[in-house]
Amino acid sequence: MLRNDDITPAPSSAARVETGATEHPIRAIARLERQQHAPYVEAVQQHADADPLHVMVPGHGCDPVAGGAHLSEVFGARTVELDVPLMLDGIDLGPGSPLDQARALAAEAWGAKTTWFMTNGASQANRTAALAVRGLGERVLVQRSSHSSFSDGVLLGGLIPSFVAPNVDHENGIAHGLTPEALETALREESEAGREVSSVYVVSPSYFGSTADVAGLARVAHAAGAALIVDGAWGAHFGFHEDLPDSPARLGADLVISSTHKLAGSFTQSAMLHLGDTEFAERLEPLVARAYTMTSSTSASALLMGSLDASRHALVQGHAEITRAIEASEDFRARLRADDRFSVVSDDFGDFADIVAIDPLRVPIDVSLLGQSGHWVRNRLIDDHGVYFEMSTATVIVAVIGARAGLDVDRLMRSLDAVAREAEALRAAGETATVEAFPPLPEAGTLRMLPRAAFFGESELVAAEEAIGRVSADTLAAYPPGIPNLMPGEEITPETVAFLQAVATSPTGYVRGAADPEVRSFRVVRDPLTAAQS
């Protein structure tokens, strides 16, 4: 059984800044002083306080009374004043600008060489990373439970993917991570087949808080001459407290996708992409910079970028708040363990060789003993109690606690108890629901065409039963948690069809990229023989 007190991460950046344990005292003091500031936020605030007259974009003129009154009524006057455009001296123009300073402070805080601010979420970071690593070579080895936005990047960059399956909890339908040994085996098999891999993409932590051995994965990838991309979207808070796993950038990852808004406290749709200070940094930095130009908006939101700067500052200064959040999550776990109607799924993560630590701020709860599905439990919590859990499966609901969030554990337990008693009453009345298990996660179909060729090739829409054996033209990914179950160029199998249809017809699931909501049809590459006959 893996409990939170089994985690022994390297000291976090925040701890090093505060104590100076691994730095010369003078350097530690200088570093702490730098991290006291939020230069981009401060520059935007100073601009707003100077009472500028904007005869430029945005259309509301940053005026909360005249042009932006409709926004002020909803979001507040200060939000309108701070929604400044790009390309302003003293904010983001020129080398050493406040924006550059904010990015440098973020890189320092997460242990990276360079950091880019993303205003289109971790999805933008994934696409940027995929475009960048194409400059290292065309072959990428991908953990099959990767996010669909990286699959989009594979298409955009013309990469040739191969896949390695993560460990899977079949009882709860949860995909975890990779062991270094599994990665080493996959890389060796690719090499022996004459397919030398130039980059590797892994996921850590998972949607459910399981954390892989990133340092070990980095050593294996680098030994094979491949750069390591870590989708750390759910671990943006890692490295800021001694009871959290460390930042992947400090563990040897070459690129780290960081969805800062998820648990680290920035605004929704803001994220970061970190470049590790590794042997690949010199080659990757200009590639990432060029790819970032291709994926970023020329009207990036000052509010989103400012929230990234503010969140970095808050995390570095927020040891006490993070401690409070972790203690509340542990209290929540303890109360769940004391109630025989629930169990904490992550208590059994020690059964999986790929998991070396857990995120204490993610609490996956097995609710199967209630006799109702996790979807039913989550919906009852929302509809009757106004309590919103992050996600549900057939057997599990998942709580996500922000790194600096306050958590009302009493309200959570009262709400769960009320829903559990409602389920007990239904069971007593003979209305126990049959929780239908999803089919097992399907194996990837054979890659019969390069993804880019399949995506841009001539296609047609056919019924699901006719699609079996054909080549997919689309990326289809079951949500949650956004895993691509079908890539362009892959053969469509009966198992994949059954799985996607099961997810699509579940109460809270849907399939991104599907031609219809119930996945009754598939877009496939048009058969040349069929095309000639039509």
Protein backbone atom coordinates (compact mmCIF):
# COMPACT_ATOMS: atom_id res chain seq x y z
CA MET A 1 0.00 0.00 0.00
CA LEU A 2 1.41 3.37 -1.05
CA ARG A 3 0.55 6.20 1.32
CA ASN A 4 1.51 9.84 1.10
CA ASP A 5 4.10 9.46 3.85
CA ASP A 6 5.98 7.03 1.56
CA ILE A 7 6.86 9.89 -0.78
CA THR A 8 10.47 10.99 -0.49
CA PRO A 9 10.99 13.57 -3.22
CA ALA A 10 14.06 15.70 -3.67
CA PRO A 11 13.87 19.01 -1.84
CA SER A 12 11.61 21.41 -3.67
CA SER A 13 12.69 24.68 -5.21
CA ALA A 14 10.68 26.54 -2.60
CA ALA A 15 12.50 24.72 0.18
CA ARG A 16 15.86 25.54 -1.37
CA VAL A 17 14.92 29.17 -1.79
CA GLU A 18 13.73 29.44 1.79
CA THR A 19 16.55 27.57 3.50
CA GLY A 20 19.47 28.00 1.13
CA ALA A 21 20.39 24.40 2.03
CA THR A 22 22.09 23.67 -1.31
CA GLU A 23 23.16 27.20 -2.22
CA HIS A 24 25.69 29.74 -1.02
CA PRO A 25 23.82 31.98 1.45
CA ILE A 26 24.37 35.12 -0.65
CA ARG A 27 22.98 33.42 -3.74
CA ALA A 28 20.04 32.08 -1.77
CA ILE A 29 19.20 35.56 -0.50
CA ALA A 30 19.42 37.01 -4.02
CA ARG A 31 17.22 34.25 -5.36
CA LEU A 32 14.64 34.77 -2.65
CA GLU A 33 14.62 38.49 -3.37
CA ARG A 34 14.02 37.87 -7.07
CA GLN A 35 11.13 35.53 -6.36
CA GLN A 36 9.45 38.17 -4.19
CA HIS A 37 8.44 40.04 -7.33
CA ALA A 38 5.90 39.47 -10.10
CA PRO A 39 7.41 41.75 -12.77
CA TYR A 40 4.85 41.23 -15.52
CA VAL A 41 1.90 41.74 -13.17
CA GLU A 42 3.55 44.81 -11.68
CA ALA A 43 4.19 46.32 -15.13
CA VAL A 44 0.59 45.77 -16.26
CA GLN A 45 -0.69 47.31 -13.04
CA GLN A 46 1.57 50.35 -13.44
CA HIS A 47 0.32 50.82 -17.00
CA ALA A 48 -3.30 50.72 -15.85
CA ASP A 49 -2.64 53.10 -12.95
CA ALA A 50 -1.15 55.68 -15.36
CA ASP A 51 -4.67 56.38 -16.70
CA PRO A 52 -3.78 55.76 -20.37
CA LEU A 53 -6.05 56.81 -23.23
CA HIS A 54 -6.28 53.83 -25.60
CA VAL A 55 -7.18 54.54 -29.22
CA MET A 56 -6.11 51.01 -30.15
CA VAL A 57 -7.26 47.50 -29.48
CA PRO A 58 -8.92 46.05 -27.48
CA GLY A 59 -12.27 47.52 -28.41
CA HIS A 60 -13.24 48.24 -24.83
CA GLY A 61 -10.28 50.62 -24.58
CA CYS A 62 -9.37 49.33 -21.11
CA ASP A 63 -12.00 51.80 -19.92
CA PRO A 64 -14.26 50.25 -17.27
CA VAL A 65 -16.78 53.12 -17.46
CA ALA A 66 -17.27 53.76 -21.15
CA GLY A 67 -16.15 51.09 -23.62
CA GLY A 68 -15.89 48.32 -21.04
CA ALA A 69 -18.89 49.01 -18.82
CA HIS A 70 -20.58 45.80 -19.96
CA LEU A 71 -17.52 43.85 -18.86
CA SER A 72 -17.06 45.74 -15.61
CA GLU A 73 -20.57 44.81 -14.54
CA VAL A 74 -19.69 41.14 -14.86
CA PHE A 75 -15.97 40.89 -14.10
CA GLY A 76 -15.13 44.10 -12.24
CA ALA A 77 -13.52 47.35 -13.31
CA ARG A 78 -9.95 46.26 -12.58
CA THR A 79 -10.22 43.31 -14.96
CA VAL A 80 -11.04 45.69 -17.82
CA GLU A 81 -8.17 48.02 -16.91
CA LEU A 82 -5.66 45.15 -16.88
CA ASP A 83 -6.75 43.59 -20.19
CA VAL A 84 -3.98 45.37 -22.10
CA PRO A 85 -2.78 44.40 -25.58
CA LEU A 86 0.62 43.04 -26.55
CA MET A 87 3.60 45.04 -27.82
CA LEU A 88 3.81 47.74 -25.18
CA ASP A 89 7.11 49.22 -24.03
CA GLY A 90 7.72 48.54 -20.38
CA ILE A 91 5.56 45.39 -20.43
CA ASP A 92 6.53 42.89 -23.13
CA LEU A 93 8.64 44.64 -25.77
CA GLY A 94 12.39 44.22 -26.05
CA PRO A 95 14.95 41.95 -24.37
CA GLY A 96 14.77 41.98 -20.60
CA SER A 97 11.16 43.16 -20.59
CA PRO A 98 8.96 42.44 -17.55
CA LEU A 99 7.49 39.52 -19.51
CA ASP A 100 10.97 38.10 -20.09
CA GLN A 101 11.75 38.60 -16.42
CA ALA A 102 8.57 36.77 -15.41
CA ARG A 103 9.45 33.84 -17.67
CA ALA A 104 12.95 33.68 -16.22
CA LEU A 105 11.56 33.62 -12.68
CA ALA A 106 9.19 30.82 -13.65
CA ALA A 107 12.07 28.81 -15.11
CA GLU A 108 14.02 29.31 -11.90
CA ALA A 109 11.07 28.30 -9.74
CA TRP A 110 10.37 25.06 -11.65
CA GLY A 111 14.04 24.21 -12.17
CA ALA A 112 14.00 24.77 -15.93
CA LYS A 113 16.43 26.44 -18.32
CA THR A 114 13.71 28.35 -20.16
CA THR A 115 9.95 28.68 -19.74
CA TRP A 116 7.27 29.81 -22.19
CA PHE A 117 3.87 31.17 -21.13
CA MET A 118 0.91 29.55 -22.89
CA THR A 119 -2.49 31.22 -23.24
CA ASN A 120 -4.19 28.30 -24.98
CA GLY A 121 -3.63 25.78 -22.23
CA ALA A 122 -1.47 22.69 -21.99
CA SER A 123 -2.94 21.70 -25.35
CA GLN A 124 -0.89 24.49 -26.90
CA ALA A 125 2.17 23.28 -24.99
CA ASN A 126 1.66 19.75 -26.31
CA ARG A 127 1.39 20.92 -29.91
CA THR A 128 4.41 23.18 -29.48
CA ALA A 129 6.47 20.33 -28.02
CA ALA A 130 5.50 18.00 -30.87
CA LEU A 131 6.50 20.56 -33.51
CA ALA A 132 9.79 21.22 -31.71
CA VAL A 133 10.94 17.60 -31.37
CA ARG A 134 10.34 17.04 -35.07
CA GLY A 135 13.59 18.96 -35.42
CA LEU A 136 15.37 16.12 -33.61
CA GLY A 137 13.98 13.43 -35.89
CA GLU A 138 10.71 12.05 -37.22
CA ARG A 139 10.12 9.11 -34.87
CA VAL A 140 8.50 9.55 -31.46
CA LEU A 141 7.65 6.82 -28.95
CA VAL A 142 4.42 7.76 -27.18
CA GLN A 143 2.80 6.46 -24.01
CA ARG A 144 -0.57 5.34 -25.31
CA SER A 145 -2.45 7.27 -22.62
CA SER A 146 -1.16 10.56 -23.99
CA HIS A 147 -3.50 13.52 -24.33
CA SER A 148 -5.18 13.98 -27.69
CA SER A 149 -3.58 17.41 -28.13
CA PHE A 150 -0.19 15.72 -28.48
CA SER A 151 -1.71 13.52 -31.16
CA ASP A 152 -2.74 16.74 -32.89
CA GLY A 153 0.89 17.85 -32.68
CA VAL A 154 2.03 14.56 -34.21
CA LEU A 155 -0.18 15.33 -37.21
CA LEU A 156 0.94 18.94 -37.47
CA GLY A 157 4.62 18.05 -37.24
CA GLY A 158 4.53 15.02 -39.50
CA LEU A 159 5.94 12.78 -36.77
CA ILE A 160 5.86 9.00 -37.07
CA PRO A 161 4.57 7.61 -33.78
CA SER A 162 4.96 4.22 -32.17
CA PHE A 163 3.29 3.41 -28.90
CA VAL A 164 4.01 1.79 -25.56
CA ALA A 165 1.16 0.79 -23.25
CA PRO A 166 1.08 2.08 -19.66
CA ASN A 167 0.21 -0.04 -16.66
CA VAL A 168 -3.57 -0.25 -16.31
CA ASP A 169 -5.86 -0.80 -13.33
CA HIS A 170 -8.41 -2.92 -15.15
CA GLU A 171 -10.75 -3.04 -12.16
CA ASN A 172 -11.29 0.70 -12.22
CA GLY A 173 -10.35 1.39 -15.83
CA ILE A 174 -7.43 3.65 -14.86
CA ALA A 175 -4.32 4.15 -16.99
CA HIS A 176 -1.19 4.79 -14.93
CA GLY A 177 2.37 5.23 -16.22
CA LEU A 178 5.52 3.54 -17.49
CA THR A 179 8.41 1.94 -15.69
CA PRO A 180 11.93 2.70 -16.94
CA GLU A 181 12.20 -1.00 -17.76
CA ALA A 182 9.10 -0.90 -19.98
CA LEU A 183 10.46 2.16 -21.77
CA GLU A 184 13.85 0.52 -22.24
CA THR A 185 12.21 -2.57 -23.75
CA ALA A 186 10.09 -0.49 -26.13
CA LEU A 187 13.07 1.57 -27.26
CA ARG A 188 15.14 -1.57 -27.85
CA GLU A 189 12.37 -3.15 -29.92
CA GLU A 190 12.10 -0.02 -32.05
CA SER A 191 15.86 0.07 -32.56
CA GLU A 192 16.05 -3.62 -33.48
CA ALA A 193 13.32 -3.03 -36.06
CA GLY A 194 15.38 -0.24 -37.62
CA ARG A 195 13.15 2.52 -36.26
CA GLU A 196 15.47 4.75 -34.23
CA VAL A 197 13.43 6.95 -31.87
CA SER A 198 14.49 10.58 -31.40
CA SER A 199 11.97 11.59 -28.73
CA VAL A 200 9.79 9.96 -26.08
CA TYR A 201 6.50 11.21 -24.63
CA VAL A 202 5.29 10.03 -21.20
CA VAL A 203 2.57 11.09 -18.77
CA SER A 204 3.26 11.84 -15.09
CA PRO A 205 1.27 12.37 -12.97
CA SER A 206 -1.81 10.62 -14.28
CA TYR A 207 -5.35 11.92 -14.10
CA PHE A 208 -5.67 10.00 -10.82
CA GLY A 209 -2.45 11.27 -9.19
CA SER A 210 -0.04 8.38 -9.83
CA THR A 211 3.52 9.58 -10.41
CA ALA A 212 6.16 7.75 -12.43
CA ASP A 213 9.94 7.55 -12.00
CA VAL A 214 10.72 10.54 -14.22
CA ALA A 215 14.42 10.51 -13.36
CA GLY A 216 14.67 6.86 -14.38
CA LEU A 217 12.69 7.45 -17.57
CA ALA A 218 14.99 10.35 -18.46
CA ARG A 219 18.10 8.20 -18.00
CA VAL A 220 16.68 5.48 -20.25
CA ALA A 221 15.57 7.90 -22.95
CA HIS A 222 18.88 9.77 -22.96
CA ALA A 223 20.88 6.53 -23.09
CA ALA A 224 18.97 5.74 -26.30
CA GLY A 225 19.71 9.19 -27.72
CA ALA A 226 16.12 10.39 -27.33
CA ALA A 227 14.73 13.51 -25.68
CA LEU A 228 12.09 13.02 -22.97
CA ILE A 229 8.84 15.00 -23.03
CA VAL A 230 6.83 14.74 -19.81
CA ASP A 231 3.15 15.58 -19.86
CA GLY A 232 3.10 16.98 -16.35
CA ALA A 233 -0.15 18.84 -16.97
CA TRP A 234 -1.61 17.64 -13.66
CA GLY A 235 1.60 18.31 -11.70
CA ALA A 236 2.22 22.03 -12.15
CA HIS A 237 2.41 22.34 -8.35
CA PHE A 238 5.15 19.70 -8.05
CA GLY A 239 8.41 20.91 -6.52
CA PHE A 240 6.97 23.61 -4.29
CA HIS A 241 6.66 21.61 -1.07
CA GLU A 242 8.60 18.80 0.59
CA ASP A 243 5.48 16.60 0.67
CA LEU A 244 4.99 16.85 -3.10
CA PRO A 245 6.95 15.07 -5.82
CA ASP A 246 9.66 17.16 -7.45
CA SER A 247 9.34 19.13 -10.67
CA PRO A 248 10.08 16.94 -13.73
CA ALA A 249 12.35 19.66 -15.08
CA ARG A 250 14.70 19.05 -12.14
CA LEU A 251 14.52 15.28 -12.66
CA GLY A 252 16.02 15.26 -16.14
CA ALA A 253 13.02 15.85 -18.43
CA ASP A 254 13.83 17.80 -21.58
CA LEU A 255 10.38 19.32 -22.08
CA VAL A 256 7.62 19.54 -19.47
CA ILE A 257 4.00 20.38 -20.22
CA SER A 258 2.63 22.23 -17.19
CA SER A 259 -1.10 23.01 -16.99
CA THR A 260 -0.64 25.72 -14.40
CA HIS A 261 -4.34 26.48 -14.10
CA LYS A 262 -5.24 22.96 -12.93
CA LEU A 263 -3.81 22.89 -9.40
CA ALA A 264 -1.29 25.75 -9.33
CA GLY A 265 -3.86 28.54 -9.32
CA SER A 266 -3.61 30.51 -12.56
CA PHE A 267 -6.60 31.39 -14.72
CA THR A 268 -8.29 28.70 -16.80
CA GLN A 269 -6.57 28.18 -20.17
CA SER A 270 -3.14 29.36 -18.95
CA ALA A 271 -0.19 26.98 -18.89
CA MET A 272 3.58 26.78 -19.22
CA LEU A 273 6.11 24.81 -21.24
CA HIS A 274 9.43 24.21 -19.50
CA LEU A 275 12.73 23.36 -21.20
CA GLY A 276 15.00 21.34 -18.94
CA ASP A 277 18.68 22.15 -18.59
CA THR A 278 19.78 18.92 -20.26
CA GLU A 279 22.01 17.68 -23.07
CA PHE A 280 19.22 18.47 -25.55
CA ALA A 281 18.61 22.04 -24.38
CA GLU A 282 20.85 23.76 -26.91
CA ARG A 283 19.18 21.98 -29.83
CA LEU A 284 15.64 22.23 -28.48
CA GLU A 285 15.54 25.89 -27.39
CA PRO A 286 15.44 27.46 -30.88
CA LEU A 287 13.08 24.73 -32.08
CA VAL A 288 10.65 25.43 -29.24
CA ALA A 289 10.90 29.18 -29.78
CA ARG A 290 10.00 28.79 -33.45
CA ALA A 291 7.20 26.32 -32.71
CA TYR A 292 5.83 28.64 -30.04
CA THR A 293 5.58 31.42 -32.64
CA MET A 294 3.47 29.08 -34.79
CA THR A 295 1.08 28.06 -32.01
CA SER A 296 0.68 31.26 -29.99
CA SER A 297 -1.78 34.08 -30.55
CA THR A 298 -0.58 37.50 -31.65
CA SER A 299 -3.17 38.81 -29.18
CA ALA A 300 -2.22 36.75 -26.15
CA SER A 301 -4.21 37.68 -23.06
CA ALA A 302 -2.43 39.86 -20.50
CA LEU A 303 -4.86 38.52 -17.91
CA LEU A 304 -3.82 34.92 -18.56
CA MET A 305 -0.10 35.72 -18.69
CA GLY A 306 -0.41 37.88 -15.60
CA SER A 307 -2.11 35.03 -13.77
CA LEU A 308 0.86 32.78 -14.57
CA ASP A 309 3.27 35.32 -13.11
CA ALA A 310 1.07 35.78 -10.04
CA SER A 311 0.67 32.03 -9.52
CA ARG A 312 4.41 31.42 -9.66
CA HIS A 313 4.89 34.13 -7.05
CA ALA A 314 2.12 32.67 -4.87
CA LEU A 315 3.51 29.13 -5.04
CA VAL A 316 7.03 30.18 -4.10
CA GLN A 317 5.71 32.22 -1.18
CA GLY A 318 2.93 29.79 -0.29
CA HIS A 319 4.50 27.02 1.77
CA ALA A 320 2.01 27.50 4.61
CA GLU A 321 -0.98 27.46 2.27
CA ILE A 322 0.26 24.33 0.47
CA THR A 323 0.79 22.66 3.85
CA ARG A 324 -2.79 23.51 4.77
CA ALA A 325 -4.13 22.04 1.52
CA ILE A 326 -2.13 18.82 1.96
CA GLU A 327 -3.25 18.46 5.58
CA ALA A 328 -6.88 18.95 4.55
CA SER A 329 -6.56 16.32 1.85
CA GLU A 330 -5.05 13.90 4.39
CA ASP A 331 -7.92 14.61 6.76
CA PHE A 332 -10.32 13.86 3.91
CA ARG A 333 -8.55 10.57 3.17
CA ALA A 334 -8.56 9.57 6.83
CA ARG A 335 -12.31 10.15 7.12
CA LEU A 336 -12.95 8.17 3.95
CA ARG A 337 -10.88 5.26 5.27
CA ALA A 338 -12.92 5.29 8.47
CA ASP A 339 -16.18 4.91 6.50
CA ASP A 340 -16.66 1.38 5.16
CA ARG A 341 -18.86 2.69 2.33
CA PHE A 342 -15.83 4.25 0.63
CA SER A 343 -12.22 3.41 -0.08
CA VAL A 344 -9.29 5.48 -1.33
CA VAL A 345 -8.13 4.09 -4.66
CA SER A 346 -4.60 5.49 -4.36
CA ASP A 347 -4.00 3.42 -1.20
CA ASP A 348 -3.46 0.49 -3.58
CA PHE A 349 -1.15 2.30 -5.99
CA GLY A 350 1.76 0.42 -4.43
CA ASP A 351 0.56 -2.62 -6.40
CA PHE A 352 1.76 -0.98 -9.62
CA ALA A 353 5.48 -1.00 -10.39
CA ASP A 354 5.34 2.21 -12.39
CA ILE A 355 4.07 4.32 -9.47
CA VAL A 356 6.79 5.71 -7.21
CA ALA A 357 4.76 8.49 -5.54
CA ILE A 358 1.28 9.96 -5.43
CA ASP A 359 -0.04 13.47 -5.56
CA PRO A 360 -1.63 14.05 -2.15
CA LEU A 361 -3.90 16.72 -3.64
CA ARG A 362 -5.73 14.19 -5.83
CA VAL A 363 -8.21 11.94 -3.98
CA PRO A 364 -9.73 9.12 -6.08
CA ILE A 365 -12.62 7.46 -4.20
CA ASP A 366 -14.08 4.02 -4.93
CA VAL A 367 -17.86 4.32 -4.51
CA SER A 368 -18.84 0.93 -5.95
CA LEU A 369 -20.13 -0.38 -2.60
CA LEU A 370 -22.97 2.15 -2.78
CA GLY A 371 -24.60 0.11 -5.51
CA GLN A 372 -24.69 3.06 -7.90
CA SER A 373 -22.19 4.19 -10.53
CA GLY A 374 -19.59 6.85 -9.95
CA HIS A 375 -21.44 8.95 -12.53
CA TRP A 376 -24.64 8.75 -10.46
CA VAL A 377 -22.79 9.72 -7.27
CA ARG A 378 -21.09 12.68 -8.93
CA ASN A 379 -24.36 13.92 -10.42
CA ARG A 380 -26.19 13.65 -7.07
CA LEU A 381 -23.42 15.63 -5.37
CA ILE A 382 -23.78 18.37 -7.99
CA ASP A 383 -27.56 18.48 -8.23
CA ASP A 384 -28.42 18.19 -4.54
CA HIS A 385 -25.38 19.63 -2.74
CA GLY A 386 -23.53 21.91 -5.14
CA VAL A 387 -20.37 19.84 -4.73
CA TYR A 388 -18.41 19.36 -7.94
CA PHE A 389 -15.88 16.54 -8.21
CA GLU A 390 -13.41 16.66 -11.09
CA MET A 391 -14.52 13.49 -12.82
CA SER A 392 -16.18 10.11 -12.45
CA THR A 393 -15.87 6.62 -13.87
CA ALA A 394 -18.15 3.62 -13.46
CA THR A 395 -16.66 2.99 -9.99
CA VAL A 396 -14.68 6.09 -8.96
CA ILE A 397 -15.07 9.82 -8.33
CA VAL A 398 -11.99 12.04 -8.18
CA ALA A 399 -11.48 15.12 -6.01
CA VAL A 400 -8.87 17.67 -7.09
CA ILE A 401 -7.64 20.14 -4.46
CA GLY A 402 -5.77 23.27 -5.51
CA ALA A 403 -2.29 23.69 -4.07
CA ARG A 404 -3.33 26.83 -2.16
CA ALA A 405 -7.03 26.04 -1.83
CA GLY A 406 -9.01 25.86 1.35
CA LEU A 407 -10.98 22.64 1.66
CA ASP A 408 -14.21 22.30 3.64
CA VAL A 409 -13.81 18.65 4.62
CA ASP A 410 -16.90 18.74 6.85
CA ARG A 411 -19.12 19.81 3.94
CA LEU A 412 -17.58 17.19 1.68
CA MET A 413 -18.25 14.40 4.16
CA ARG A 414 -21.80 15.60 4.90
CA SER A 415 -22.56 15.62 1.19
CA LEU A 416 -21.02 12.20 0.59
CA ASP A 417 -22.91 10.79 3.58
CA ALA A 418 -26.22 12.16 2.28
CA VAL A 419 -25.64 10.69 -1.17
CA ALA A 420 -24.56 7.37 0.35
CA ARG A 421 -27.77 7.25 2.44
CA GLU A 422 -29.81 7.98 -0.68
CA ALA A 423 -28.07 5.09 -2.43
CA GLU A 424 -28.77 2.85 0.58
CA ALA A 425 -32.46 3.73 0.41
CA LEU A 426 -32.57 2.86 -3.27
CA ARG A 427 -30.86 -0.43 -2.54
CA ALA A 428 -33.39 -1.19 0.20
CA ALA A 429 -36.17 -0.52 -2.30
CA GLY A 430 -34.61 -2.94 -4.74
CA GLU A 431 -33.40 -0.24 -7.09
CA THR A 432 -29.73 -1.09 -7.03
CA ALA A 433 -28.19 -0.07 -10.32
CA THR A 434 -26.17 -2.51 -12.34
CA VAL A 435 -22.83 -0.89 -12.96
CA GLU A 436 -21.89 -1.97 -16.45
CA ALA A 437 -18.17 -2.34 -16.80
CA PHE A 438 -16.57 -0.73 -19.82
CA PRO A 439 -14.82 -3.07 -22.23
CA PRO A 440 -11.08 -3.23 -21.51
CA LEU A 441 -8.92 -0.45 -22.94
CA PRO A 442 -8.27 -1.54 -26.52
CA GLU A 443 -4.87 -2.23 -27.97
CA ALA A 444 -3.78 0.13 -30.72
CA GLY A 445 -4.70 -0.98 -34.21
CA THR A 446 -1.97 -1.61 -36.77
CA LEU A 447 -0.53 1.61 -38.21
CA ARG A 448 -1.21 1.10 -41.93
CA MET A 449 -0.57 4.68 -43.09
CA LEU A 450 1.42 7.60 -41.79
CA PRO A 451 -0.92 9.71 -39.61
CA ARG A 452 -0.46 12.88 -41.63
CA ALA A 453 -1.18 11.10 -44.93
CA ALA A 454 -4.32 9.51 -43.49
CA PHE A 455 -5.57 12.78 -42.01
CA PHE A 456 -5.18 14.74 -45.25
CA GLY A 457 -6.13 11.90 -47.58
CA GLU A 458 -9.50 11.51 -49.28
CA SER A 459 -11.99 10.18 -46.75
CA GLU A 460 -15.57 9.01 -46.39
CA LEU A 461 -18.04 8.48 -43.57
CA VAL A 462 -19.17 4.89 -43.00
CA ALA A 463 -21.25 3.03 -40.41
CA ALA A 464 -19.35 1.62 -37.44
CA GLU A 465 -19.76 -1.99 -38.53
CA GLU A 466 -18.39 -1.13 -41.99
CA ALA A 467 -15.44 0.77 -40.48
CA ILE A 468 -13.91 -2.32 -38.88
CA GLY A 469 -10.77 -3.20 -40.78
CA ARG A 470 -10.61 0.21 -42.48
CA VAL A 471 -8.05 2.95 -41.83
CA SER A 472 -9.11 5.84 -39.59
CA ALA A 473 -8.82 9.39 -40.92
CA ASP A 474 -9.53 10.92 -37.50
CA THR A 475 -8.16 11.03 -34.00
CA LEU A 476 -10.80 9.73 -31.58
CA ALA A 477 -10.26 10.11 -27.86
CA ALA A 478 -12.52 9.02 -25.01
CA TYR A 479 -13.15 11.66 -22.32
CA PRO A 480 -12.41 11.42 -19.53
CA PRO A 481 -9.47 11.42 -19.56
CA GLY A 482 -8.69 12.41 -23.15
CA ILE A 483 -6.69 9.35 -24.23
CA PRO A 484 -6.42 8.86 -28.00
CA ASN A 485 -7.93 5.45 -28.69
CA LEU A 486 -7.64 5.80 -32.45
CA MET A 487 -5.11 7.70 -34.55
CA PRO A 488 -5.22 8.62 -38.23
CA GLY A 489 -3.58 5.81 -40.16
CA GLU A 490 -4.54 3.09 -37.67
CA GLU A 491 -6.73 0.15 -38.50
CA ILE A 492 -10.11 0.26 -36.75
CA THR A 493 -10.67 -2.85 -34.64
CA PRO A 494 -13.89 -4.30 -33.15
CA GLU A 495 -12.48 -3.70 -29.66
CA THR A 496 -11.87 -0.02 -30.34
CA VAL A 497 -15.38 0.44 -31.73
CA ALA A 498 -16.95 -1.27 -28.70
CA PHE A 499 -14.89 0.79 -26.25
CA LEU A 500 -15.60 4.15 -27.87
CA GLN A 501 -19.32 3.45 -28.12
CA ALA A 502 -19.43 2.39 -24.46
CA VAL A 503 -17.79 5.64 -23.36
CA ALA A 504 -19.96 7.75 -25.67
CA THR A 505 -23.18 6.34 -24.22
CA SER A 506 -22.08 6.60 -20.57
CA PRO A 507 -23.65 9.43 -18.49
CA THR A 508 -20.60 11.72 -18.42
CA GLY A 509 -18.45 10.47 -21.26
CA TYR A 510 -17.98 11.68 -24.79
CA VAL A 511 -15.57 10.99 -27.63
CA ARG A 512 -13.59 13.91 -29.00
CA GLY A 513 -13.32 13.83 -32.77
CA ALA A 514 -16.29 11.52 -33.31
CA ALA A 515 -18.48 12.11 -36.33
CA ASP A 516 -21.63 11.68 -34.20
CA PRO A 517 -22.29 11.68 -30.42
CA GLU A 518 -22.85 7.91 -30.11
CA VAL A 519 -19.97 6.96 -32.44
CA ARG A 520 -22.25 5.14 -34.86
CA SER A 521 -20.09 6.21 -37.80
CA PHE A 522 -16.39 6.67 -38.50
CA ARG A 523 -14.45 8.77 -40.97
CA VAL A 524 -12.11 6.43 -42.84
CA VAL A 525 -9.57 6.78 -45.62
CA ARG A 526 -11.35 6.26 -48.89
CA ASP A 527 -10.51 2.95 -50.52
CA PRO A 528 -8.96 3.62 -53.97
CA LEU A 529 -10.94 0.74 -55.46
CA THR A 530 -14.21 2.07 -54.01
CA ALA A 531 -13.39 5.56 -55.25
CA ALA A 532 -12.78 4.25 -58.78
CA GLN A 533 -16.14 2.49 -58.81
CA SER A 534 -18.13 5.51 -57.56
